[in-house]
Amino acid sequence: MEYNESDFVEYALKETGIAILSRNDKYFDLPNGFQIEVEGRDLYRLSHEGWVISPFDDIGRLCTFLQSNINHTTETNESNG
């Protein structure tokens, strides 16, 4: 069985409780305008509403960043709404 980095990312997101709105091969749409592109093994591009935030080379750090910022974005939107 061949290793698939995108499948690993999907698994990691699900295990850390991060919702996946849609997946198209190596592209993931997440809540509140976040997107991930899997560029290679241990290399992920995180964007927010089309703007690149940062490359990540550690899936754990990426998930931790997303957990903090998806929740923060939701709270900010609810308080402004």
PDB file of N, CA and C in Angstrom:
ATOM      1  N   MET A   1       0.841  -1.188   0.000  1.00  0.00           N
ATOM      2  CA  MET A   1       0.000   0.000   0.000  1.00  0.00           C
ATOM      3  C   MET A   1       0.883   1.246   0.000  1.00  0.00           C
ATOM      4  N   GLU A   2       0.625   2.132  -0.917  1.00  0.00           N
ATOM      5  CA  GLU A   2       1.421   3.350  -1.041  1.00  0.00           C
ATOM      6  C   GLU A   2       0.966   4.399  -0.024  1.00  0.00           C
ATOM      7  N   TYR A   3       1.930   5.077   0.571  1.00  0.00           N
ATOM      8  CA  TYR A   3       1.648   6.126   1.548  1.00  0.00           C
ATOM      9  C   TYR A   3       1.064   7.344   0.842  1.00  0.00           C
ATOM     10  N   ASN A   4      -0.017   7.882   1.396  1.00  0.00           N
ATOM     11  CA  ASN A   4      -0.659   9.060   0.825  1.00  0.00           C
ATOM     12  C   ASN A   4      -0.698  10.154   1.884  1.00  0.00           C
ATOM     13  N   GLU A   5       0.059  11.202   1.670  1.00  0.00           N
ATOM     14  CA  GLU A   5       0.150  12.299   2.645  1.00  0.00           C
ATOM     15  C   GLU A   5      -1.204  12.972   2.865  1.00  0.00           C
ATOM     16  N   SER A   6      -1.999  13.107   1.812  1.00  0.00           N
ATOM     17  CA  SER A   6      -3.309  13.752   1.951  1.00  0.00           C
ATOM     18  C   SER A   6      -4.238  12.927   2.842  1.00  0.00           C
ATOM     19  N   ASP A   7      -4.171  11.607   2.729  1.00  0.00           N
ATOM     20  CA  ASP A   7      -4.967  10.755   3.614  1.00  0.00           C
ATOM     21  C   ASP A   7      -4.518  10.921   5.063  1.00  0.00           C
ATOM     22  N   PHE A   8      -3.204  11.071   5.265  1.00  0.00           N
ATOM     23  CA  PHE A   8      -2.679  11.296   6.610  1.00  0.00           C
ATOM     24  C   PHE A   8      -3.191  12.616   7.176  1.00  0.00           C
ATOM     25  N   VAL A   9      -3.208  13.663   6.358  1.00  0.00           N
ATOM     26  CA  VAL A   9      -3.717  14.962   6.801  1.00  0.00           C
ATOM     27  C   VAL A   9      -5.193  14.847   7.172  1.00  0.00           C
ATOM     28  N   GLU A  10      -5.970  14.160   6.353  1.00  0.00           N
ATOM     29  CA  GLU A  10      -7.391  13.964   6.660  1.00  0.00           C
ATOM     30  C   GLU A  10      -7.553  13.259   8.006  1.00  0.00           C
ATOM     31  N   TYR A  11      -6.771  12.214   8.229  1.00  0.00           N
ATOM     32  CA  TYR A  11      -6.816  11.494   9.493  1.00  0.00           C
ATOM     33  C   TYR A  11      -6.462  12.411  10.668  1.00  0.00           C
ATOM     34  N   ALA A  12      -5.392  13.189  10.533  1.00  0.00           N
ATOM     35  CA  ALA A  12      -4.950  14.077  11.609  1.00  0.00           C
ATOM     36  C   ALA A  12      -6.003  15.138  11.922  1.00  0.00           C
ATOM     37  N   LEU A  13      -6.607  15.712  10.899  1.00  0.00           N
ATOM     38  CA  LEU A  13      -7.644  16.720  11.118  1.00  0.00           C
ATOM     39  C   LEU A  13      -8.831  16.122  11.867  1.00  0.00           C
ATOM     40  N   LYS A  14      -9.263  14.946  11.440  1.00  0.00           N
ATOM     41  CA  LYS A  14     -10.394  14.290  12.104  1.00  0.00           C
ATOM     42  C   LYS A  14     -10.067  13.938  13.545  1.00  0.00           C
ATOM     43  N   GLU A  15      -8.861  13.430  13.790  1.00  0.00           N
ATOM     44  CA  GLU A  15      -8.458  13.027  15.143  1.00  0.00           C
ATOM     45  C   GLU A  15      -8.357  14.220  16.091  1.00  0.00           C
ATOM     46  N   THR A  16      -8.084  15.406  15.564  1.00  0.00           N
ATOM     47  CA  THR A  16      -7.971  16.597  16.411  1.00  0.00           C
ATOM     48  C   THR A  16      -9.267  17.412  16.432  1.00  0.00           C
ATOM     49  N   GLY A  17     -10.323  16.870  15.833  1.00  0.00           N
ATOM     50  CA  GLY A  17     -11.632  17.515  15.906  1.00  0.00           C
ATOM     51  C   GLY A  17     -11.819  18.691  14.966  1.00  0.00           C
ATOM     52  N   ILE A  18     -11.016  18.784  13.923  1.00  0.00           N
ATOM     53  CA  ILE A  18     -11.139  19.874  12.961  1.00  0.00           C
ATOM     54  C   ILE A  18     -12.020  19.394  11.808  1.00  0.00           C
ATOM     55  N   ALA A  19     -13.106  20.099  11.573  1.00  0.00           N
ATOM     56  CA  ALA A  19     -14.054  19.712  10.531  1.00  0.00           C
ATOM     57  C   ALA A  19     -13.448  19.932   9.145  1.00  0.00           C
ATOM     58  N   ILE A  20     -13.752  19.017   8.248  1.00  0.00           N
ATOM     59  CA  ILE A  20     -13.361  19.156   6.847  1.00  0.00           C
ATOM     60  C   ILE A  20     -14.643  19.400   6.065  1.00  0.00           C
ATOM     61  N   LEU A  21     -14.762  20.587   5.469  1.00  0.00           N
ATOM     62  CA  LEU A  21     -15.956  20.902   4.697  1.00  0.00           C
ATOM     63  C   LEU A  21     -15.957  20.180   3.356  1.00  0.00           C
ATOM     64  N   SER A  22     -14.775  20.116   2.729  1.00  0.00           N
ATOM     65  CA  SER A  22     -14.642  19.368   1.484  1.00  0.00           C
ATOM     66  C   SER A  22     -13.179  19.037   1.261  1.00  0.00           C
ATOM     67  N   ARG A  23     -12.978  17.997   0.454  1.00  0.00           N
ATOM     68  CA  ARG A  23     -11.624  17.600   0.074  1.00  0.00           C
ATOM     69  C   ARG A  23     -11.620  17.283  -1.406  1.00  0.00           C
ATOM     70  N   ASN A  24     -10.661  17.849  -2.113  1.00  0.00           N
ATOM     71  CA  ASN A  24     -10.445  17.553  -3.522  1.00  0.00           C
ATOM     72  C   ASN A  24      -8.985  17.163  -3.676  1.00  0.00           C
ATOM     73  N   ASP A  25      -8.719  15.870  -3.601  1.00  0.00           N
ATOM     74  CA  ASP A  25      -7.374  15.318  -3.673  1.00  0.00           C
ATOM     75  C   ASP A  25      -6.501  15.896  -2.561  1.00  0.00           C
ATOM     76  N   LYS A  26      -5.613  16.815  -2.876  1.00  0.00           N
ATOM     77  CA  LYS A  26      -4.678  17.358  -1.878  1.00  0.00           C
ATOM     78  C   LYS A  26      -5.123  18.708  -1.329  1.00  0.00           C
ATOM     79  N   TYR A  27      -6.341  19.116  -1.633  1.00  0.00           N
ATOM     80  CA  TYR A  27      -6.880  20.403  -1.179  1.00  0.00           C
ATOM     81  C   TYR A  27      -8.009  20.166  -0.183  1.00  0.00           C
ATOM     82  N   PHE A  28      -7.944  20.889   0.935  1.00  0.00           N
ATOM     83  CA  PHE A  28      -8.950  20.767   1.981  1.00  0.00           C
ATOM     84  C   PHE A  28      -9.561  22.135   2.262  1.00  0.00           C
ATOM     85  N   ASP A  29     -10.888  22.192   2.301  1.00  0.00           N
ATOM     86  CA  ASP A  29     -11.597  23.389   2.739  1.00  0.00           C
ATOM     87  C   ASP A  29     -12.075  23.141   4.151  1.00  0.00           C
ATOM     88  N   LEU A  30     -11.755  24.097   5.030  1.00  0.00           N
ATOM     89  CA  LEU A  30     -12.075  23.993   6.449  1.00  0.00           C
ATOM     90  C   LEU A  30     -13.000  25.138   6.849  1.00  0.00           C
ATOM     91  N   PRO A  31     -13.566  25.087   8.045  1.00  0.00           N
ATOM     92  CA  PRO A  31     -14.448  26.170   8.488  1.00  0.00           C
ATOM     93  C   PRO A  31     -13.754  27.532   8.495  1.00  0.00           C
ATOM     94  N   ASN A  32     -14.566  28.563   8.399  1.00  0.00           N
ATOM     95  CA  ASN A  32     -14.135  29.958   8.537  1.00  0.00           C
ATOM     96  C   ASN A  32     -13.089  30.386   7.524  1.00  0.00           C
ATOM     97  N   GLY A  33     -13.147  29.843   6.316  1.00  0.00           N
ATOM     98  CA  GLY A  33     -12.291  30.317   5.232  1.00  0.00           C
ATOM     99  C   GLY A  33     -10.880  29.777   5.197  1.00  0.00           C
ATOM    100  N   PHE A  34     -10.574  28.769   6.004  1.00  0.00           N
ATOM    101  CA  PHE A  34      -9.231  28.180   5.987  1.00  0.00           C
ATOM    102  C   PHE A  34      -9.150  27.096   4.919  1.00  0.00           C
ATOM    103  N   GLN A  35      -7.985  27.009   4.270  1.00  0.00           N
ATOM    104  CA  GLN A  35      -7.721  25.973   3.286  1.00  0.00           C
ATOM    105  C   GLN A  35      -6.317  25.414   3.535  1.00  0.00           C
ATOM    106  N   ILE A  36      -6.159  24.122   3.234  1.00  0.00           N
ATOM    107  CA  ILE A  36      -4.850  23.477   3.296  1.00  0.00           C
ATOM    108  C   ILE A  36      -4.576  22.868   1.927  1.00  0.00           C
ATOM    109  N   GLU A  37      -3.355  23.050   1.467  1.00  0.00           N
ATOM    110  CA  GLU A  37      -2.875  22.326   0.294  1.00  0.00           C
ATOM    111  C   GLU A  37      -1.708  21.471   0.745  1.00  0.00           C
ATOM    112  N   VAL A  38      -1.760  20.184   0.451  1.00  0.00           N
ATOM    113  CA  VAL A  38      -0.665  19.276   0.760  1.00  0.00           C
ATOM    114  C   VAL A  38       0.328  19.391  -0.392  1.00  0.00           C
ATOM    115  N   GLU A  39       1.503  19.957  -0.098  1.00  0.00           N
ATOM    116  CA  GLU A  39       2.504  20.174  -1.144  1.00  0.00           C
ATOM    117  C   GLU A  39       3.458  18.996  -1.295  1.00  0.00           C
ATOM    118  N   GLY A  40       3.598  18.213  -0.247  1.00  0.00           N
ATOM    119  CA  GLY A  40       4.504  17.070  -0.273  1.00  0.00           C
ATOM    120  C   GLY A  40       4.508  16.422   1.093  1.00  0.00           C
ATOM    121  N   ARG A  41       5.368  15.466   1.251  1.00  0.00           N
ATOM    122  CA  ARG A  41       5.454  14.805   2.549  1.00  0.00           C
ATOM    123  C   ARG A  41       5.947  15.802   3.585  1.00  0.00           C
ATOM    124  N   ASP A  42       5.160  15.957   4.649  1.00  0.00           N
ATOM    125  CA  ASP A  42       5.477  16.899   5.731  1.00  0.00           C
ATOM    126  C   ASP A  42       5.609  18.336   5.245  1.00  0.00           C
ATOM    127  N   LEU A  43       4.827  18.730   4.253  1.00  0.00           N
ATOM    128  CA  LEU A  43       4.830  20.121   3.793  1.00  0.00           C
ATOM    129  C   LEU A  43       3.407  20.509   3.399  1.00  0.00           C
ATOM    130  N   TYR A  44       2.867  21.505   4.133  1.00  0.00           N
ATOM    131  CA  TYR A  44       1.476  21.906   3.990  1.00  0.00           C
ATOM    132  C   TYR A  44       1.396  23.422   3.873  1.00  0.00           C
ATOM    133  N   ARG A  45       0.574  23.900   2.942  1.00  0.00           N
ATOM    134  CA  ARG A  45       0.367  25.343   2.775  1.00  0.00           C
ATOM    135  C   ARG A  45      -0.998  25.696   3.361  1.00  0.00           C
ATOM    136  N   LEU A  46      -0.995  26.576   4.350  1.00  0.00           N
ATOM    137  CA  LEU A  46      -2.231  27.023   4.975  1.00  0.00           C
ATOM    138  C   LEU A  46      -2.597  28.395   4.441  1.00  0.00           C
ATOM    139  N   SER A  47      -3.845  28.534   4.030  1.00  0.00           N
ATOM    140  CA  SER A  47      -4.355  29.812   3.534  1.00  0.00           C
ATOM    141  C   SER A  47      -5.626  30.159   4.288  1.00  0.00           C
ATOM    142  N   HIS A  48      -5.927  31.464   4.310  1.00  0.00           N
ATOM    143  CA  HIS A  48      -7.181  31.937   4.882  1.00  0.00           C
ATOM    144  C   HIS A  48      -7.807  32.902   3.899  1.00  0.00           C
ATOM    145  N   GLU A  49      -8.987  32.539   3.422  1.00  0.00           N
ATOM    146  CA  GLU A  49      -9.711  33.334   2.442  1.00  0.00           C
ATOM    147  C   GLU A  49      -8.832  33.706   1.248  1.00  0.00           C
ATOM    148  N   GLY A  50      -8.045  32.724   0.790  1.00  0.00           N
ATOM    149  CA  GLY A  50      -7.208  32.909  -0.391  1.00  0.00           C
ATOM    150  C   GLY A  50      -5.831  33.491  -0.138  1.00  0.00           C
ATOM    151  N   TRP A  51      -5.563  33.939   1.052  1.00  0.00           N
ATOM    152  CA  TRP A  51      -4.257  34.517   1.399  1.00  0.00           C
ATOM    153  C   TRP A  51      -3.415  33.468   2.107  1.00  0.00           C
ATOM    154  N   VAL A  52      -2.211  33.245   1.602  1.00  0.00           N
ATOM    155  CA  VAL A  52      -1.316  32.266   2.220  1.00  0.00           C
ATOM    156  C   VAL A  52      -0.859  32.792   3.570  1.00  0.00           C
ATOM    157  N   ILE A  53      -1.055  31.973   4.583  1.00  0.00           N
ATOM    158  CA  ILE A  53      -0.627  32.339   5.940  1.00  0.00           C
ATOM    159  C   ILE A  53       0.809  31.887   6.154  1.00  0.00           C
ATOM    160  N   SER A  54       1.038  30.592   5.902  1.00  0.00           N
ATOM    161  CA  SER A  54       2.365  30.060   6.198  1.00  0.00           C
ATOM    162  C   SER A  54       2.468  28.631   5.705  1.00  0.00           C
ATOM    163  N   PRO A  55       3.684  28.227   5.347  1.00  0.00           N
ATOM    164  CA  PRO A  55       3.897  26.798   5.152  1.00  0.00           C
ATOM    165  C   PRO A  55       4.115  26.154   6.526  1.00  0.00           C
ATOM    166  N   PHE A  56       3.697  24.919   6.657  1.00  0.00           N
ATOM    167  CA  PHE A  56       3.925  24.145   7.873  1.00  0.00           C
ATOM    168  C   PHE A  56       4.630  22.867   7.479  1.00  0.00           C
ATOM    169  N   ASP A  57       5.561  22.425   8.323  1.00  0.00           N
ATOM    170  CA  ASP A  57       6.231  21.150   8.080  1.00  0.00           C
ATOM    171  C   ASP A  57       5.980  20.158   9.214  1.00  0.00           C
ATOM    172  N   ASP A  58       5.009  20.490  10.080  1.00  0.00           N
ATOM    173  CA  ASP A  58       4.670  19.632  11.211  1.00  0.00           C
ATOM    174  C   ASP A  58       3.151  19.599  11.326  1.00  0.00           C
ATOM    175  N   ILE A  59       2.546  18.430  11.108  1.00  0.00           N
ATOM    176  CA  ILE A  59       1.093  18.320  11.120  1.00  0.00           C
ATOM    177  C   ILE A  59       0.519  18.647  12.499  1.00  0.00           C
ATOM    178  N   GLY A  60       1.232  18.327  13.562  1.00  0.00           N
ATOM    179  CA  GLY A  60       0.768  18.647  14.912  1.00  0.00           C
ATOM    180  C   GLY A  60       0.667  20.144  15.138  1.00  0.00           C
ATOM    181  N   ARG A  61       1.677  20.871  14.725  1.00  0.00           N
ATOM    182  CA  ARG A  61       1.648  22.337  14.866  1.00  0.00           C
ATOM    183  C   ARG A  61       0.558  22.954  14.001  1.00  0.00           C
ATOM    184  N   LEU A  62       0.369  22.405  12.804  1.00  0.00           N
ATOM    185  CA  LEU A  62      -0.683  22.905  11.924  1.00  0.00           C
ATOM    186  C   LEU A  62      -2.049  22.703  12.574  1.00  0.00           C
ATOM    187  N   CYS A  63      -2.301  21.526  13.107  1.00  0.00           N
ATOM    188  CA  CYS A  63      -3.585  21.262  13.755  1.00  0.00           C
ATOM    189  C   CYS A  63      -3.796  22.140  14.984  1.00  0.00           C
ATOM    190  N   THR A  64      -2.752  22.324  15.786  1.00  0.00           N
ATOM    191  CA  THR A  64      -2.859  23.194  16.961  1.00  0.00           C
ATOM    192  C   THR A  64      -3.164  24.632  16.547  1.00  0.00           C
ATOM    193  N   PHE A  65      -2.486  25.125  15.515  1.00  0.00           N
ATOM    194  CA  PHE A  65      -2.740  26.468  14.991  1.00  0.00           C
ATOM    195  C   PHE A  65      -4.191  26.588  14.532  1.00  0.00           C
ATOM    196  N   LEU A  66      -4.658  25.591  13.799  1.00  0.00           N
ATOM    197  CA  LEU A  66      -6.031  25.629  13.298  1.00  0.00           C
ATOM    198  C   LEU A  66      -7.043  25.582  14.436  1.00  0.00           C
ATOM    199  N   GLN A  67      -6.828  24.736  15.414  1.00  0.00           N
ATOM    200  CA  GLN A  67      -7.755  24.653  16.543  1.00  0.00           C
ATOM    201  C   GLN A  67      -7.901  26.012  17.213  1.00  0.00           C
ATOM    202  N   SER A  68      -6.812  26.696  17.426  1.00  0.00           N
ATOM    203  CA  SER A  68      -6.843  28.010  18.074  1.00  0.00           C
ATOM    204  C   SER A  68      -7.506  29.058  17.199  1.00  0.00           C
ATOM    205  N   ASN A  69      -7.166  29.062  15.925  1.00  0.00           N
ATOM    206  CA  ASN A  69      -7.625  30.133  15.056  1.00  0.00           C
ATOM    207  C   ASN A  69      -9.006  29.908  14.464  1.00  0.00           C
ATOM    208  N   ILE A  70      -9.405  28.676  14.243  1.00  0.00           N
ATOM    209  CA  ILE A  70     -10.779  28.437  13.786  1.00  0.00           C
ATOM    210  C   ILE A  70     -11.739  28.834  14.890  1.00  0.00           C
ATOM    211  N   ASN A  71     -11.427  28.478  16.138  1.00  0.00           N
ATOM    212  CA  ASN A  71     -12.278  28.855  17.262  1.00  0.00           C
ATOM    213  C   ASN A  71     -12.278  30.359  17.464  1.00  0.00           C
ATOM    214  N   HIS A  72     -11.117  30.993  17.348  1.00  0.00           N
ATOM    215  CA  HIS A  72     -11.015  32.445  17.516  1.00  0.00           C
ATOM    216  C   HIS A  72     -11.815  33.160  16.438  1.00  0.00           C
ATOM    217  N   THR A  73     -11.705  32.700  15.198  1.00  0.00           N
ATOM    218  CA  THR A  73     -12.433  33.320  14.099  1.00  0.00           C
ATOM    219  C   THR A  73     -13.934  33.187  14.312  1.00  0.00           C
ATOM    220  N   THR A  74     -14.380  32.027  14.790  1.00  0.00           N
ATOM    221  CA  THR A  74     -15.801  31.813  15.054  1.00  0.00           C
ATOM    222  C   THR A  74     -16.290  32.757  16.142  1.00  0.00           C
ATOM    223  N   GLU A  75     -15.535  32.880  17.244  1.00  0.00           N
ATOM    224  CA  GLU A  75     -15.923  33.758  18.324  1.00  0.00           C
ATOM    225  C   GLU A  75     -15.951  35.206  17.882  1.00  0.00           C
ATOM    226  N   THR A  76     -14.979  35.625  17.084  1.00  0.00           N
ATOM    227  CA  THR A  76     -14.937  36.995  16.593  1.00  0.00           C
ATOM    228  C   THR A  76     -16.128  37.273  15.702  1.00  0.00           C
ATOM    229  N   ASN A  77     -16.466  36.341  14.805  1.00  0.00           N
ATOM    230  CA  ASN A  77     -17.601  36.522  13.910  1.00  0.00           C
ATOM    231  C   ASN A  77     -18.916  36.572  14.679  1.00  0.00           C
ATOM    232  N   GLU A  78     -19.064  35.755  15.719  1.00  0.00           N
ATOM    233  CA  GLU A  78     -20.288  35.739  16.509  1.00  0.00           C
ATOM    234  C   GLU A  78     -20.449  37.030  17.300  1.00  0.00           C
ATOM    235  N   SER A  79     -19.354  37.581  17.826  1.00  0.00           N
ATOM    236  CA  SER A  79     -19.450  38.806  18.603  1.00  0.00           C
ATOM    237  C   SER A  79     -19.688  40.026  17.718  1.00  0.00           C
ATOM    238  N   ASN A  80     -19.285  39.937  16.437  1.00  0.00           N
ATOM    239  CA  ASN A  80     -19.503  41.043  15.509  1.00  0.00           C
ATOM    240  C   ASN A  80     -20.856  40.943  14.820  1.00  0.00           C
ATOM    241  N   GLY A  81     -21.477  39.753  14.863  1.00  0.00           N
ATOM    242  CA  GLY A  81     -22.679  39.494  14.091  1.00  0.00           C
ATOM    243  C   GLY A  81     -23.901  40.014  14.693  1.00  0.00           C
TER     244      GLY A  81
END
